[in-house]
Amino acid sequence: MTAVESLPVYKTAEEVAASRGDNLTSLIGAYLAGYVAGGYGPRRVVKVNTVRRFERSASGRAIMPADWDDPEDDIYDNL
């Protein structure tokens, strides 16, 4: 028994192959053939940039939106 064959997933994969009337080697070969036919590499997913971008001051510091300023405190008033 190899290290791969001792993994719990390997036994499950063999059971799935047997339930389909095939062996694990054939299923892996079919998967790889389908993968190659579909194109090499993973499909690229274009992510939408959800990070809010702030304007920058002349010194390079981020300028926070006015609605973020809490009028009850003066923490950000002297930046």
PDB file of N, CA and C in Angstrom:
ATOM      1  N   MET A   1       0.845  -1.177   0.000  1.00  0.00           N
ATOM      2  CA  MET A   1       0.000   0.000   0.000  1.00  0.00           C
ATOM      3  C   MET A   1       0.894   1.246   0.000  1.00  0.00           C
ATOM      4  N   THR A   2       0.602   2.162  -0.902  1.00  0.00           N
ATOM      5  CA  THR A   2       1.374   3.399  -0.977  1.00  0.00           C
ATOM      6  C   THR A   2       0.770   4.430  -0.040  1.00  0.00           C
ATOM      7  N   ALA A   3       1.467   5.556   0.092  1.00  0.00           N
ATOM      8  CA  ALA A   3       0.970   6.632   0.949  1.00  0.00           C
ATOM      9  C   ALA A   3      -0.354   7.177   0.421  1.00  0.00           C
ATOM     10  N   VAL A   4      -0.490   7.241  -0.902  1.00  0.00           N
ATOM     11  CA  VAL A   4      -1.729   7.750  -1.500  1.00  0.00           C
ATOM     12  C   VAL A   4      -2.875   6.778  -1.256  1.00  0.00           C
ATOM     13  N   GLU A   5      -2.594   5.495  -1.392  1.00  0.00           N
ATOM     14  CA  GLU A   5      -3.636   4.490  -1.195  1.00  0.00           C
ATOM     15  C   GLU A   5      -4.122   4.434   0.245  1.00  0.00           C
ATOM     16  N   SER A   6      -3.327   4.915   1.181  1.00  0.00           N
ATOM     17  CA  SER A   6      -3.734   4.892   2.581  1.00  0.00           C
ATOM     18  C   SER A   6      -4.641   6.066   2.951  1.00  0.00           C
ATOM     19  N   LEU A   7      -4.790   7.030   2.059  1.00  0.00           N
ATOM     20  CA  LEU A   7      -5.660   8.175   2.342  1.00  0.00           C
ATOM     21  C   LEU A   7      -7.126   7.760   2.311  1.00  0.00           C
ATOM     22  N   PRO A   8      -7.954   8.336   3.192  1.00  0.00           N
ATOM     23  CA  PRO A   8      -9.378   7.989   3.206  1.00  0.00           C
ATOM     24  C   PRO A   8     -10.083   8.349   1.896  1.00  0.00           C
ATOM     25  N   VAL A   9      -9.642   9.399   1.241  1.00  0.00           N
ATOM     26  CA  VAL A   9     -10.276   9.832  -0.005  1.00  0.00           C
ATOM     27  C   VAL A   9     -10.043   8.805  -1.111  1.00  0.00           C
ATOM     28  N   TYR A  10      -8.905   8.152  -1.081  1.00  0.00           N
ATOM     29  CA  TYR A  10      -8.587   7.148  -2.098  1.00  0.00           C
ATOM     30  C   TYR A  10      -9.590   6.005  -2.049  1.00  0.00           C
ATOM     31  N   LYS A  11      -9.907   5.545  -0.852  1.00  0.00           N
ATOM     32  CA  LYS A  11     -10.872   4.453  -0.700  1.00  0.00           C
ATOM     33  C   LYS A  11     -12.245   4.895  -1.200  1.00  0.00           C
ATOM     34  N   THR A  12     -12.633   6.117  -0.883  1.00  0.00           N
ATOM     35  CA  THR A  12     -13.917   6.649  -1.354  1.00  0.00           C
ATOM     36  C   THR A  12     -13.933   6.734  -2.873  1.00  0.00           C
ATOM     37  N   ALA A  13     -12.827   7.190  -3.464  1.00  0.00           N
ATOM     38  CA  ALA A  13     -12.746   7.296  -4.925  1.00  0.00           C
ATOM     39  C   ALA A  13     -12.834   5.921  -5.579  1.00  0.00           C
ATOM     40  N   GLU A  14     -12.198   4.929  -4.974  1.00  0.00           N
ATOM     41  CA  GLU A  14     -12.298   3.566  -5.506  1.00  0.00           C
ATOM     42  C   GLU A  14     -13.732   3.053  -5.441  1.00  0.00           C
ATOM     43  N   GLU A  15     -14.441   3.369  -4.359  1.00  0.00           N
ATOM     44  CA  GLU A  15     -15.837   2.941  -4.216  1.00  0.00           C
ATOM     45  C   GLU A  15     -16.720   3.603  -5.273  1.00  0.00           C
ATOM     46  N   VAL A  16     -16.473   4.878  -5.551  1.00  0.00           N
ATOM     47  CA  VAL A  16     -17.237   5.584  -6.589  1.00  0.00           C
ATOM     48  C   VAL A  16     -16.967   4.954  -7.946  1.00  0.00           C
ATOM     49  N   ALA A  17     -15.710   4.667  -8.230  1.00  0.00           N
ATOM     50  CA  ALA A  17     -15.355   4.038  -9.510  1.00  0.00           C
ATOM     51  C   ALA A  17     -16.020   2.676  -9.641  1.00  0.00           C
ATOM     52  N   ALA A  18     -15.996   1.887  -8.586  1.00  0.00           N
ATOM     53  CA  ALA A  18     -16.614   0.552  -8.621  1.00  0.00           C
ATOM     54  C   ALA A  18     -18.124   0.647  -8.807  1.00  0.00           C
ATOM     55  N   SER A  19     -18.744   1.664  -8.195  1.00  0.00           N
ATOM     56  CA  SER A  19     -20.196   1.813  -8.340  1.00  0.00           C
ATOM     57  C   SER A  19     -20.585   2.180  -9.771  1.00  0.00           C
ATOM     58  N   ARG A  20     -19.651   2.740 -10.511  1.00  0.00           N
ATOM     59  CA  ARG A  20     -19.903   3.086 -11.919  1.00  0.00           C
ATOM     60  C   ARG A  20     -19.419   1.990 -12.864  1.00  0.00           C
ATOM     61  N   GLY A  21     -18.951   0.897 -12.301  1.00  0.00           N
ATOM     62  CA  GLY A  21     -18.490  -0.217 -13.123  1.00  0.00           C
ATOM     63  C   GLY A  21     -17.154   0.039 -13.781  1.00  0.00           C
ATOM     64  N   ASP A  22     -16.313   0.818 -13.163  1.00  0.00           N
ATOM     65  CA  ASP A  22     -15.015   1.166 -13.731  1.00  0.00           C
ATOM     66  C   ASP A  22     -13.963   1.075 -12.644  1.00  0.00           C
ATOM     67  N   ASN A  23     -12.714   1.315 -13.027  1.00  0.00           N
ATOM     68  CA  ASN A  23     -11.668   1.361 -12.006  1.00  0.00           C
ATOM     69  C   ASN A  23     -11.149   2.789 -11.880  1.00  0.00           C
ATOM     70  N   LEU A  24     -10.428   3.047 -10.820  1.00  0.00           N
ATOM     71  CA  LEU A  24      -9.973   4.400 -10.513  1.00  0.00           C
ATOM     72  C   LEU A  24      -9.035   4.954 -11.579  1.00  0.00           C
ATOM     73  N   THR A  25      -8.178   4.128 -12.124  1.00  0.00           N
ATOM     74  CA  THR A  25      -7.241   4.579 -13.156  1.00  0.00           C
ATOM     75  C   THR A  25      -7.984   5.084 -14.387  1.00  0.00           C
ATOM     76  N   SER A  26      -9.033   4.389 -14.796  1.00  0.00           N
ATOM     77  CA  SER A  26      -9.818   4.818 -15.958  1.00  0.00           C
ATOM     78  C   SER A  26     -10.535   6.135 -15.689  1.00  0.00           C
ATOM     79  N   LEU A  27     -11.074   6.287 -14.467  1.00  0.00           N
ATOM     80  CA  LEU A  27     -11.755   7.544 -14.138  1.00  0.00           C
ATOM     81  C   LEU A  27     -10.785   8.720 -14.118  1.00  0.00           C
ATOM     82  N   ILE A  28      -9.596   8.498 -13.592  1.00  0.00           N
ATOM     83  CA  ILE A  28      -8.593   9.568 -13.576  1.00  0.00           C
ATOM     84  C   ILE A  28      -8.189   9.923 -15.001  1.00  0.00           C
ATOM     85  N   GLY A  29      -8.002   8.918 -15.853  1.00  0.00           N
ATOM     86  CA  GLY A  29      -7.668   9.171 -17.256  1.00  0.00           C
ATOM     87  C   GLY A  29      -8.761   9.941 -17.973  1.00  0.00           C
ATOM     88  N   ALA A  30     -10.025   9.591 -17.710  1.00  0.00           N
ATOM     89  CA  ALA A  30     -11.143  10.306 -18.337  1.00  0.00           C
ATOM     90  C   ALA A  30     -11.202  11.747 -17.853  1.00  0.00           C
ATOM     91  N   TYR A  31     -10.951  11.953 -16.570  1.00  0.00           N
ATOM     92  CA  TYR A  31     -10.946  13.310 -16.022  1.00  0.00           C
ATOM     93  C   TYR A  31      -9.853  14.149 -16.681  1.00  0.00           C
ATOM     94  N   LEU A  32      -8.652  13.586 -16.769  1.00  0.00           N
ATOM     95  CA  LEU A  32      -7.543  14.329 -17.370  1.00  0.00           C
ATOM     96  C   LEU A  32      -7.785  14.618 -18.843  1.00  0.00           C
ATOM     97  N   ALA A  33      -8.372  13.663 -19.568  1.00  0.00           N
ATOM     98  CA  ALA A  33      -8.675  13.892 -20.984  1.00  0.00           C
ATOM     99  C   ALA A  33      -9.690  15.022 -21.134  1.00  0.00           C
ATOM    100  N   GLY A  34     -10.697  15.036 -20.292  1.00  0.00           N
ATOM    101  CA  GLY A  34     -11.685  16.116 -20.335  1.00  0.00           C
ATOM    102  C   GLY A  34     -11.099  17.452 -19.949  1.00  0.00           C
ATOM    103  N   TYR A  35     -10.185  17.435 -18.988  1.00  0.00           N
ATOM    104  CA  TYR A  35      -9.538  18.661 -18.549  1.00  0.00           C
ATOM    105  C   TYR A  35      -8.703  19.256 -19.672  1.00  0.00           C
ATOM    106  N   VAL A  36      -7.942  18.419 -20.348  1.00  0.00           N
ATOM    107  CA  VAL A  36      -7.099  18.883 -21.453  1.00  0.00           C
ATOM    108  C   VAL A  36      -7.963  19.371 -22.604  1.00  0.00           C
ATOM    109  N   ALA A  37      -9.052  18.682 -22.895  1.00  0.00           N
ATOM    110  CA  ALA A  37      -9.939  19.096 -23.986  1.00  0.00           C
ATOM    111  C   ALA A  37     -10.570  20.452 -23.701  1.00  0.00           C
ATOM    112  N   GLY A  38     -10.775  20.757 -22.430  1.00  0.00           N
ATOM    113  CA  GLY A  38     -11.380  22.032 -22.053  1.00  0.00           C
ATOM    114  C   GLY A  38     -10.396  23.179 -22.035  1.00  0.00           C
ATOM    115  N   GLY A  39      -9.138  22.921 -22.192  1.00  0.00           N
ATOM    116  CA  GLY A  39      -8.117  23.966 -22.161  1.00  0.00           C
ATOM    117  C   GLY A  39      -7.226  23.802 -20.951  1.00  0.00           C
ATOM    118  N   TYR A  40      -6.003  24.258 -21.074  1.00  0.00           N
ATOM    119  CA  TYR A  40      -5.039  24.103 -19.995  1.00  0.00           C
ATOM    120  C   TYR A  40      -5.258  25.155 -18.926  1.00  0.00           C
ATOM    121  N   GLY A  41      -4.955  24.789 -17.715  1.00  0.00           N
ATOM    122  CA  GLY A  41      -4.997  25.725 -16.605  1.00  0.00           C
ATOM    123  C   GLY A  41      -6.400  25.954 -16.092  1.00  0.00           C
ATOM    124  N   PRO A  42      -6.470  26.515 -14.919  1.00  0.00           N
ATOM    125  CA  PRO A  42      -7.786  26.784 -14.339  1.00  0.00           C
ATOM    126  C   PRO A  42      -8.485  27.918 -15.073  1.00  0.00           C
ATOM    127  N   ARG A  43      -9.786  27.909 -14.991  1.00  0.00           N
ATOM    128  CA  ARG A  43     -10.537  29.007 -15.600  1.00  0.00           C
ATOM    129  C   ARG A  43     -10.267  30.277 -14.820  1.00  0.00           C
ATOM    130  N   ARG A  44     -10.088  31.337 -15.542  1.00  0.00           N
ATOM    131  CA  ARG A  44      -9.790  32.601 -14.886  1.00  0.00           C
ATOM    132  C   ARG A  44     -11.081  33.280 -14.465  1.00  0.00           C
ATOM    133  N   VAL A  45     -11.125  33.677 -13.232  1.00  0.00           N
ATOM    134  CA  VAL A  45     -12.280  34.379 -12.703  1.00  0.00           C
ATOM    135  C   VAL A  45     -11.863  35.824 -12.482  1.00  0.00           C
ATOM    136  N   VAL A  46     -12.565  36.734 -13.128  1.00  0.00           N
ATOM    137  CA  VAL A  46     -12.253  38.144 -12.974  1.00  0.00           C
ATOM    138  C   VAL A  46     -13.007  38.648 -11.752  1.00  0.00           C
ATOM    139  N   LYS A  47     -12.255  39.081 -10.768  1.00  0.00           N
ATOM    140  CA  LYS A  47     -12.879  39.566  -9.543  1.00  0.00           C
ATOM    141  C   LYS A  47     -13.162  41.058  -9.670  1.00  0.00           C
ATOM    142  N   VAL A  48     -14.254  41.451  -9.107  1.00  0.00           N
ATOM    143  CA  VAL A  48     -14.617  42.862  -9.082  1.00  0.00           C
ATOM    144  C   VAL A  48     -13.920  43.497  -7.888  1.00  0.00           C
ATOM    145  N   ASN A  49     -13.327  44.634  -8.105  1.00  0.00           N
ATOM    146  CA  ASN A  49     -12.643  45.323  -7.022  1.00  0.00           C
ATOM    147  C   ASN A  49     -13.682  45.930  -6.089  1.00  0.00           C
ATOM    148  N   THR A  50     -13.793  45.369  -4.903  1.00  0.00           N
ATOM    149  CA  THR A  50     -14.783  45.859  -3.950  1.00  0.00           C
ATOM    150  C   THR A  50     -14.165  46.777  -2.905  1.00  0.00           C
ATOM    151  N   VAL A  51     -12.886  47.058  -3.039  1.00  0.00           N
ATOM    152  CA  VAL A  51     -12.223  47.929  -2.085  1.00  0.00           C
ATOM    153  C   VAL A  51     -12.521  49.371  -2.456  1.00  0.00           C
ATOM    154  N   ARG A  52     -12.924  50.145  -1.475  1.00  0.00           N
ATOM    155  CA  ARG A  52     -13.233  51.549  -1.736  1.00  0.00           C
ATOM    156  C   ARG A  52     -11.927  52.326  -1.885  1.00  0.00           C
ATOM    157  N   ARG A  53     -11.839  53.088  -2.945  1.00  0.00           N
ATOM    158  CA  ARG A  53     -10.641  53.893  -3.207  1.00  0.00           C
ATOM    159  C   ARG A  53     -10.915  55.334  -2.781  1.00  0.00           C
ATOM    160  N   PHE A  54      -9.981  55.907  -2.060  1.00  0.00           N
ATOM    161  CA  PHE A  54     -10.140  57.271  -1.581  1.00  0.00           C
ATOM    162  C   PHE A  54      -9.222  58.209  -2.348  1.00  0.00           C
ATOM    163  N   GLU A  55      -9.639  59.450  -2.408  1.00  0.00           N
ATOM    164  CA  GLU A  55      -8.773  60.470  -3.003  1.00  0.00           C
ATOM    165  C   GLU A  55      -7.569  60.660  -2.090  1.00  0.00           C
ATOM    166  N   ARG A  56      -6.474  61.145  -2.663  1.00  0.00           N
ATOM    167  CA  ARG A  56      -5.249  61.348  -1.890  1.00  0.00           C
ATOM    168  C   ARG A  56      -4.927  62.832  -1.805  1.00  0.00           C
ATOM    169  N   SER A  57      -4.377  63.233  -0.669  1.00  0.00           N
ATOM    170  CA  SER A  57      -3.939  64.616  -0.511  1.00  0.00           C
ATOM    171  C   SER A  57      -2.587  64.779  -1.197  1.00  0.00           C
ATOM    172  N   ALA A  58      -2.070  65.987  -1.198  1.00  0.00           N
ATOM    173  CA  ALA A  58      -0.774  66.250  -1.823  1.00  0.00           C
ATOM    174  C   ALA A  58       0.340  65.460  -1.137  1.00  0.00           C
ATOM    175  N   SER A  59       0.168  65.180   0.153  1.00  0.00           N
ATOM    176  CA  SER A  59       1.186  64.412   0.882  1.00  0.00           C
ATOM    177  C   SER A  59       0.994  62.906   0.735  1.00  0.00           C
ATOM    178  N   GLY A  60      -0.074  62.487   0.041  1.00  0.00           N
ATOM    179  CA  GLY A  60      -0.303  61.074  -0.196  1.00  0.00           C
ATOM    180  C   GLY A  60      -1.242  60.398   0.781  1.00  0.00           C
ATOM    181  N   ARG A  61      -1.746  61.154   1.741  1.00  0.00           N
ATOM    182  CA  ARG A  61      -2.667  60.567   2.714  1.00  0.00           C
ATOM    183  C   ARG A  61      -4.069  60.460   2.123  1.00  0.00           C
ATOM    184  N   ALA A  62      -4.794  59.440   2.556  1.00  0.00           N
ATOM    185  CA  ALA A  62      -6.158  59.244   2.071  1.00  0.00           C
ATOM    186  C   ALA A  62      -7.078  60.305   2.655  1.00  0.00           C
ATOM    187  N   ILE A  63      -7.954  60.838   1.809  1.00  0.00           N
ATOM    188  CA  ILE A  63      -8.947  61.815   2.250  1.00  0.00           C
ATOM    189  C   ILE A  63     -10.256  61.069   2.450  1.00  0.00           C
ATOM    190  N   MET A  64     -10.694  60.988   3.694  1.00  0.00           N
ATOM    191  CA  MET A  64     -11.917  60.262   4.006  1.00  0.00           C
ATOM    192  C   MET A  64     -13.145  61.071   3.583  1.00  0.00           C
ATOM    193  N   PRO A  65     -14.211  60.396   3.205  1.00  0.00           N
ATOM    194  CA  PRO A  65     -15.432  61.101   2.820  1.00  0.00           C
ATOM    195  C   PRO A  65     -15.990  61.920   3.982  1.00  0.00           C
ATOM    196  N   ALA A  66     -16.630  63.020   3.661  1.00  0.00           N
ATOM    197  CA  ALA A  66     -17.161  63.911   4.694  1.00  0.00           C
ATOM    198  C   ALA A  66     -18.217  63.225   5.549  1.00  0.00           C
ATOM    199  N   ASP A  67     -18.976  62.298   4.963  1.00  0.00           N
ATOM    200  CA  ASP A  67     -20.028  61.641   5.742  1.00  0.00           C
ATOM    201  C   ASP A  67     -19.466  60.648   6.762  1.00  0.00           C
ATOM    202  N   TRP A  68     -18.169  60.396   6.726  1.00  0.00           N
ATOM    203  CA  TRP A  68     -17.553  59.513   7.719  1.00  0.00           C
ATOM    204  C   TRP A  68     -17.155  60.280   8.981  1.00  0.00           C
ATOM    205  N   ASP A  69     -17.180  61.592   8.916  1.00  0.00           N
ATOM    206  CA  ASP A  69     -16.767  62.406  10.052  1.00  0.00           C
ATOM    207  C   ASP A  69     -17.905  62.485  11.066  1.00  0.00           C
ATOM    208  N   ASP A  70     -17.607  62.124  12.292  1.00  0.00           N
ATOM    209  CA  ASP A  70     -18.599  62.195  13.360  1.00  0.00           C
ATOM    210  C   ASP A  70     -18.525  63.591  13.970  1.00  0.00           C
ATOM    211  N   PRO A  71     -19.597  64.380  13.873  1.00  0.00           N
ATOM    212  CA  PRO A  71     -19.543  65.749  14.392  1.00  0.00           C
ATOM    213  C   PRO A  71     -19.394  65.806  15.913  1.00  0.00           C
ATOM    214  N   GLU A  72     -19.623  64.703  16.600  1.00  0.00           N
ATOM    215  CA  GLU A  72     -19.534  64.704  18.059  1.00  0.00           C
ATOM    216  C   GLU A  72     -18.104  64.564  18.569  1.00  0.00           C
ATOM    217  N   ASP A  73     -17.166  64.283  17.699  1.00  0.00           N
ATOM    218  CA  ASP A  73     -15.776  64.217  18.153  1.00  0.00           C
ATOM    219  C   ASP A  73     -14.897  65.025  17.208  1.00  0.00           C
ATOM    220  N   ASP A  74     -13.697  65.323  17.655  1.00  0.00           N
ATOM    221  CA  ASP A  74     -12.776  66.106  16.824  1.00  0.00           C
ATOM    222  C   ASP A  74     -11.518  65.307  16.483  1.00  0.00           C
ATOM    223  N   ILE A  75     -11.645  63.995  16.466  1.00  0.00           N
ATOM    224  CA  ILE A  75     -10.475  63.147  16.225  1.00  0.00           C
ATOM    225  C   ILE A  75      -9.843  63.441  14.867  1.00  0.00           C
ATOM    226  N   TYR A  76     -10.664  63.569  13.835  1.00  0.00           N
ATOM    227  CA  TYR A  76     -10.141  63.726  12.478  1.00  0.00           C
ATOM    228  C   TYR A  76     -10.122  65.175  11.997  1.00  0.00           C
ATOM    229  N   ASP A  77     -10.450  66.109  12.848  1.00  0.00           N
ATOM    230  CA  ASP A  77     -10.557  67.497  12.405  1.00  0.00           C
ATOM    231  C   ASP A  77      -9.211  68.145  12.103  1.00  0.00           C
ATOM    232  N   ASN A  78      -8.135  67.678  12.687  1.00  0.00           N
ATOM    233  CA  ASN A  78      -6.834  68.330  12.509  1.00  0.00           C
ATOM    234  C   ASN A  78      -5.851  67.492  11.705  1.00  0.00           C
ATOM    235  N   LEU A  79      -6.323  66.640  10.836  1.00  0.00           N
ATOM    236  CA  LEU A  79      -5.413  65.815  10.037  1.00  0.00           C
ATOM    237  C   LEU A  79      -4.952  66.543   8.807  1.00  0.00           C
TER     238      LEU A  79
END
